[in-house]
Amino acid sequence: MKVFRLTSVSIFLFILCIVENYLNTLISLDFGVYIFLISLIYIGTEVFNQNLVLPIFLSGILYDSFFSTYYLGLYTSIFLIVVVLSNLIVSRYSQTNVVHLITISLCLLIYKIPIIVEFDMDYWIASYFISIFVNLFIFLFFKRVTKNYV
């Protein structure tokens, strides 16, 4: 049962990667809607435990295999760093909107580091700030929807 749960979480995370890639490719906006990044931050801030490391690792390997032209394991390490950093920031400080804003801005910077290295910073800096606020609102909406009111 544990193997089935880990496999299903890995497949779900990989499907979110695919949806994010096609969403940002097919819709030409000046900013990015990063559903997978939001899910990684949600995992890091709300439900992170050691059992989720393997599904994140497997989804990173699948992403590197199918969508990346970089070294195998680059996005795996980026995904794990995003989850650990978001967990560290939120566990060290209280869960306020300012802390979530800082978390999303730092994690988005780490998440898009290959694009920043490959292209010039001016290429991406204009949409970076808009992406922070759009993804923050999506994250806060998702967090509010999934909150248990018992």
C-alpha atoms as a PDB file:
ATOM      1  CA  MET A   1       0.000   0.000   0.000  1.00  0.00           C
ATOM      2  CA  LYS A   2       2.878   2.346   0.799  1.00  0.00           C
ATOM      3  CA  VAL A   3       4.473   1.728  -2.605  1.00  0.00           C
ATOM      4  CA  PHE A   4       1.158   2.419  -4.327  1.00  0.00           C
ATOM      5  CA  ARG A   5       0.765   5.716  -2.446  1.00  0.00           C
ATOM      6  CA  LEU A   6       4.312   6.841  -3.269  1.00  0.00           C
ATOM      7  CA  THR A   7       3.852   5.904  -6.915  1.00  0.00           C
ATOM      8  CA  SER A   8       0.529   7.704  -7.163  1.00  0.00           C
ATOM      9  CA  VAL A   9       1.981  10.855  -5.558  1.00  0.00           C
ATOM     10  CA  SER A  10       4.914  10.732  -7.999  1.00  0.00           C
ATOM     11  CA  ILE A  11       2.589  10.357 -10.978  1.00  0.00           C
ATOM     12  CA  PHE A  12       0.359  13.165  -9.717  1.00  0.00           C
ATOM     13  CA  LEU A  13       3.340  15.503  -9.291  1.00  0.00           C
ATOM     14  CA  PHE A  14       4.612  14.629 -12.753  1.00  0.00           C
ATOM     15  CA  ILE A  15       1.177  15.309 -14.255  1.00  0.00           C
ATOM     16  CA  LEU A  16       1.260  18.713 -12.532  1.00  0.00           C
ATOM     17  CA  CYS A  17       4.642  19.317 -14.197  1.00  0.00           C
ATOM     18  CA  ILE A  18       3.167  18.468 -17.579  1.00  0.00           C
ATOM     19  CA  VAL A  19       0.131  20.709 -17.012  1.00  0.00           C
ATOM     20  CA  GLU A  20       2.384  23.589 -15.942  1.00  0.00           C
ATOM     21  CA  ASN A  21       4.642  23.211 -18.977  1.00  0.00           C
ATOM     22  CA  TYR A  22       1.783  23.137 -21.448  1.00  0.00           C
ATOM     23  CA  LEU A  23      -0.124  25.879 -19.648  1.00  0.00           C
ATOM     24  CA  ASN A  24       2.814  28.280 -19.775  1.00  0.00           C
ATOM     25  CA  THR A  25       3.698  27.239 -23.331  1.00  0.00           C
ATOM     26  CA  LEU A  26       0.269  27.484 -24.908  1.00  0.00           C
ATOM     27  CA  ILE A  27      -0.949  30.581 -23.079  1.00  0.00           C
ATOM     28  CA  SER A  28       1.183  33.555 -23.975  1.00  0.00           C
ATOM     29  CA  LEU A  29       1.112  35.718 -20.870  1.00  0.00           C
ATOM     30  CA  ASP A  30       3.726  38.123 -19.588  1.00  0.00           C
ATOM     31  CA  PHE A  31       3.905  36.131 -16.371  1.00  0.00           C
ATOM     32  CA  GLY A  32       3.995  32.470 -15.442  1.00  0.00           C
ATOM     33  CA  VAL A  33       1.398  30.474 -13.587  1.00  0.00           C
ATOM     34  CA  TYR A  34       3.497  27.850 -11.823  1.00  0.00           C
ATOM     35  CA  ILE A  35       1.087  25.207 -10.543  1.00  0.00           C
ATOM     36  CA  PHE A  36       3.833  22.723  -9.778  1.00  0.00           C
ATOM     37  CA  LEU A  37       5.823  25.309  -7.842  1.00  0.00           C
ATOM     38  CA  ILE A  38       2.723  26.152  -5.821  1.00  0.00           C
ATOM     39  CA  SER A  39       2.198  22.472  -5.066  1.00  0.00           C
ATOM     40  CA  LEU A  40       5.840  22.113  -3.975  1.00  0.00           C
ATOM     41  CA  ILE A  41       5.534  25.119  -1.691  1.00  0.00           C
ATOM     42  CA  TYR A  42       2.275  23.747  -0.303  1.00  0.00           C
ATOM     43  CA  ILE A  43       3.966  20.413   0.367  1.00  0.00           C
ATOM     44  CA  GLY A  44       6.850  22.206   2.054  1.00  0.00           C
ATOM     45  CA  THR A  45       4.718  24.437   4.229  1.00  0.00           C
ATOM     46  CA  GLU A  46       1.807  22.184   5.137  1.00  0.00           C
ATOM     47  CA  VAL A  47       2.389  18.451   4.708  1.00  0.00           C
ATOM     48  CA  PHE A  48       6.141  17.840   4.390  1.00  0.00           C
ATOM     49  CA  ASN A  49       7.546  14.631   5.836  1.00  0.00           C
ATOM     50  CA  GLN A  50      10.283  12.226   4.872  1.00  0.00           C
ATOM     51  CA  ASN A  51       7.890  10.003   2.918  1.00  0.00           C
ATOM     52  CA  LEU A  52       7.411  12.730   0.295  1.00  0.00           C
ATOM     53  CA  VAL A  53      11.107  13.006  -0.609  1.00  0.00           C
ATOM     54  CA  LEU A  54      11.032   9.960  -2.883  1.00  0.00           C
ATOM     55  CA  PRO A  55       7.983  11.108  -4.935  1.00  0.00           C
ATOM     56  CA  ILE A  56       9.535  14.568  -5.371  1.00  0.00           C
ATOM     57  CA  PHE A  57      12.795  12.916  -6.398  1.00  0.00           C
ATOM     58  CA  LEU A  58      11.033  10.662  -8.911  1.00  0.00           C
ATOM     59  CA  SER A  59       9.031  13.522 -10.399  1.00  0.00           C
ATOM     60  CA  GLY A  60      12.276  15.485 -10.789  1.00  0.00           C
ATOM     61  CA  ILE A  61      13.942  12.556 -12.557  1.00  0.00           C
ATOM     62  CA  LEU A  62      10.929  12.210 -14.871  1.00  0.00           C
ATOM     63  CA  TYR A  63      10.986  15.954 -15.570  1.00  0.00           C
ATOM     64  CA  ASP A  64      14.716  15.830 -16.331  1.00  0.00           C
ATOM     65  CA  SER A  65      14.218  12.835 -18.598  1.00  0.00           C
ATOM     66  CA  PHE A  66      11.373  14.222 -20.694  1.00  0.00           C
ATOM     67  CA  PHE A  67      11.504  18.036 -20.590  1.00  0.00           C
ATOM     68  CA  SER A  68      14.982  19.161 -19.628  1.00  0.00           C
ATOM     69  CA  THR A  69      18.112  19.557 -21.709  1.00  0.00           C
ATOM     70  CA  TYR A  70      20.274  19.952 -18.612  1.00  0.00           C
ATOM     71  CA  TYR A  71      22.047  17.306 -16.594  1.00  0.00           C
ATOM     72  CA  LEU A  72      19.994  14.475 -15.159  1.00  0.00           C
ATOM     73  CA  GLY A  73      19.193  15.435 -11.581  1.00  0.00           C
ATOM     74  CA  LEU A  74      19.283  19.225 -11.906  1.00  0.00           C
ATOM     75  CA  TYR A  75      15.560  19.733 -11.560  1.00  0.00           C
ATOM     76  CA  THR A  76      15.401  16.985  -8.946  1.00  0.00           C
ATOM     77  CA  SER A  77      17.731  18.985  -6.743  1.00  0.00           C
ATOM     78  CA  ILE A  78      15.863  22.214  -7.526  1.00  0.00           C
ATOM     79  CA  PHE A  79      12.532  20.637  -6.538  1.00  0.00           C
ATOM     80  CA  LEU A  80      13.977  19.293  -3.285  1.00  0.00           C
ATOM     81  CA  ILE A  81      15.630  22.625  -2.461  1.00  0.00           C
ATOM     82  CA  VAL A  82      12.325  24.442  -3.029  1.00  0.00           C
ATOM     83  CA  VAL A  83      10.480  22.106  -0.672  1.00  0.00           C
ATOM     84  CA  VAL A  84      13.157  22.211   2.027  1.00  0.00           C
ATOM     85  CA  LEU A  85      13.568  25.990   1.798  1.00  0.00           C
ATOM     86  CA  SER A  86       9.838  26.617   2.031  1.00  0.00           C
ATOM     87  CA  ASN A  87       9.617  24.266   5.007  1.00  0.00           C
ATOM     88  CA  LEU A  88      12.565  25.996   6.685  1.00  0.00           C
ATOM     89  CA  ILE A  89      11.226  29.518   6.220  1.00  0.00           C
ATOM     90  CA  VAL A  90       7.679  28.734   7.345  1.00  0.00           C
ATOM     91  CA  SER A  91       8.765  26.612  10.309  1.00  0.00           C
ATOM     92  CA  ARG A  92      11.211  29.253  11.501  1.00  0.00           C
ATOM     93  CA  TYR A  93       8.774  32.145  11.194  1.00  0.00           C
ATOM     94  CA  SER A  94       5.033  32.363  11.622  1.00  0.00           C
ATOM     95  CA  GLN A  95       2.695  31.668   8.718  1.00  0.00           C
ATOM     96  CA  THR A  96       1.749  35.151   7.609  1.00  0.00           C
ATOM     97  CA  ASN A  97       1.185  36.529   4.137  1.00  0.00           C
ATOM     98  CA  VAL A  98       4.528  38.359   4.246  1.00  0.00           C
ATOM     99  CA  VAL A  99       6.367  35.125   5.035  1.00  0.00           C
ATOM    100  CA  HIS A 100       4.513  33.403   2.200  1.00  0.00           C
ATOM    101  CA  LEU A 101       5.427  36.282  -0.141  1.00  0.00           C
ATOM    102  CA  ILE A 102       9.107  35.927   0.774  1.00  0.00           C
ATOM    103  CA  THR A 103       8.900  32.152   0.444  1.00  0.00           C
ATOM    104  CA  ILE A 104       7.317  32.293  -3.001  1.00  0.00           C
ATOM    105  CA  SER A 105       9.737  34.942  -4.244  1.00  0.00           C
ATOM    106  CA  LEU A 106      12.817  32.980  -3.116  1.00  0.00           C
ATOM    107  CA  CYS A 107      11.456  29.642  -4.325  1.00  0.00           C
ATOM    108  CA  LEU A 108      10.485  31.116  -7.701  1.00  0.00           C
ATOM    109  CA  LEU A 109      13.997  32.482  -8.053  1.00  0.00           C
ATOM    110  CA  ILE A 110      15.461  29.045  -7.314  1.00  0.00           C
ATOM    111  CA  TYR A 111      12.862  27.321  -9.490  1.00  0.00           C
ATOM    112  CA  LYS A 112      13.787  29.411 -12.535  1.00  0.00           C
ATOM    113  CA  ILE A 113      17.554  29.549 -11.978  1.00  0.00           C
ATOM    114  CA  PRO A 114      18.373  27.608 -15.214  1.00  0.00           C
ATOM    115  CA  ILE A 115      16.494  30.232 -17.251  1.00  0.00           C
ATOM    116  CA  ILE A 116      18.275  33.047 -15.420  1.00  0.00           C
ATOM    117  CA  VAL A 117      21.660  31.434 -16.058  1.00  0.00           C
ATOM    118  CA  GLU A 118      20.912  30.663 -19.702  1.00  0.00           C
ATOM    119  CA  PHE A 119      19.334  33.995 -20.571  1.00  0.00           C
ATOM    120  CA  ASP A 120      19.984  37.470 -19.340  1.00  0.00           C
ATOM    121  CA  MET A 121      18.355  38.690 -16.132  1.00  0.00           C
ATOM    122  CA  ASP A 122      16.614  41.485 -18.056  1.00  0.00           C
ATOM    123  CA  TYR A 123      14.851  38.819 -20.115  1.00  0.00           C
ATOM    124  CA  TRP A 124      13.009  37.498 -17.095  1.00  0.00           C
ATOM    125  CA  ILE A 125      12.952  40.235 -14.420  1.00  0.00           C
ATOM    126  CA  ALA A 126       9.868  42.026 -15.785  1.00  0.00           C
ATOM    127  CA  SER A 127       7.629  39.005 -15.478  1.00  0.00           C
ATOM    128  CA  TYR A 128       9.231  37.862 -12.210  1.00  0.00           C
ATOM    129  CA  PHE A 129       7.463  40.389  -9.992  1.00  0.00           C
ATOM    130  CA  ILE A 130       4.089  39.839 -11.629  1.00  0.00           C
ATOM    131  CA  SER A 131       4.571  36.073 -11.317  1.00  0.00           C
ATOM    132  CA  ILE A 132       5.274  36.410  -7.603  1.00  0.00           C
ATOM    133  CA  PHE A 133       1.980  38.122  -6.871  1.00  0.00           C
ATOM    134  CA  VAL A 134      -0.111  35.962  -9.217  1.00  0.00           C
ATOM    135  CA  ASN A 135       1.293  32.765  -7.730  1.00  0.00           C
ATOM    136  CA  LEU A 136       0.951  34.147  -4.197  1.00  0.00           C
ATOM    137  CA  PHE A 137      -2.758  34.758  -4.745  1.00  0.00           C
ATOM    138  CA  ILE A 138      -3.191  31.276  -6.225  1.00  0.00           C
ATOM    139  CA  PHE A 139      -1.280  29.764  -3.291  1.00  0.00           C
ATOM    140  CA  LEU A 140      -3.330  31.643  -0.687  1.00  0.00           C
ATOM    141  CA  PHE A 141      -6.555  30.704  -2.465  1.00  0.00           C
ATOM    142  CA  PHE A 142      -5.511  27.055  -2.601  1.00  0.00           C
ATOM    143  CA  LYS A 143      -4.475  27.125   1.038  1.00  0.00           C
ATOM    144  CA  ARG A 144      -7.788  28.636   2.058  1.00  0.00           C
ATOM    145  CA  VAL A 145      -9.777  26.101   0.037  1.00  0.00           C
ATOM    146  CA  THR A 146      -7.913  23.122   1.520  1.00  0.00           C
ATOM    147  CA  LYS A 147      -8.097  24.382   5.103  1.00  0.00           C
ATOM    148  CA  ASN A 148     -10.107  22.237   7.487  1.00  0.00           C
ATOM    149  CA  TYR A 149     -12.692  24.114   9.491  1.00  0.00           C
ATOM    150  CA  VAL A 150     -13.463  21.666  12.270  1.00  0.00           C
END
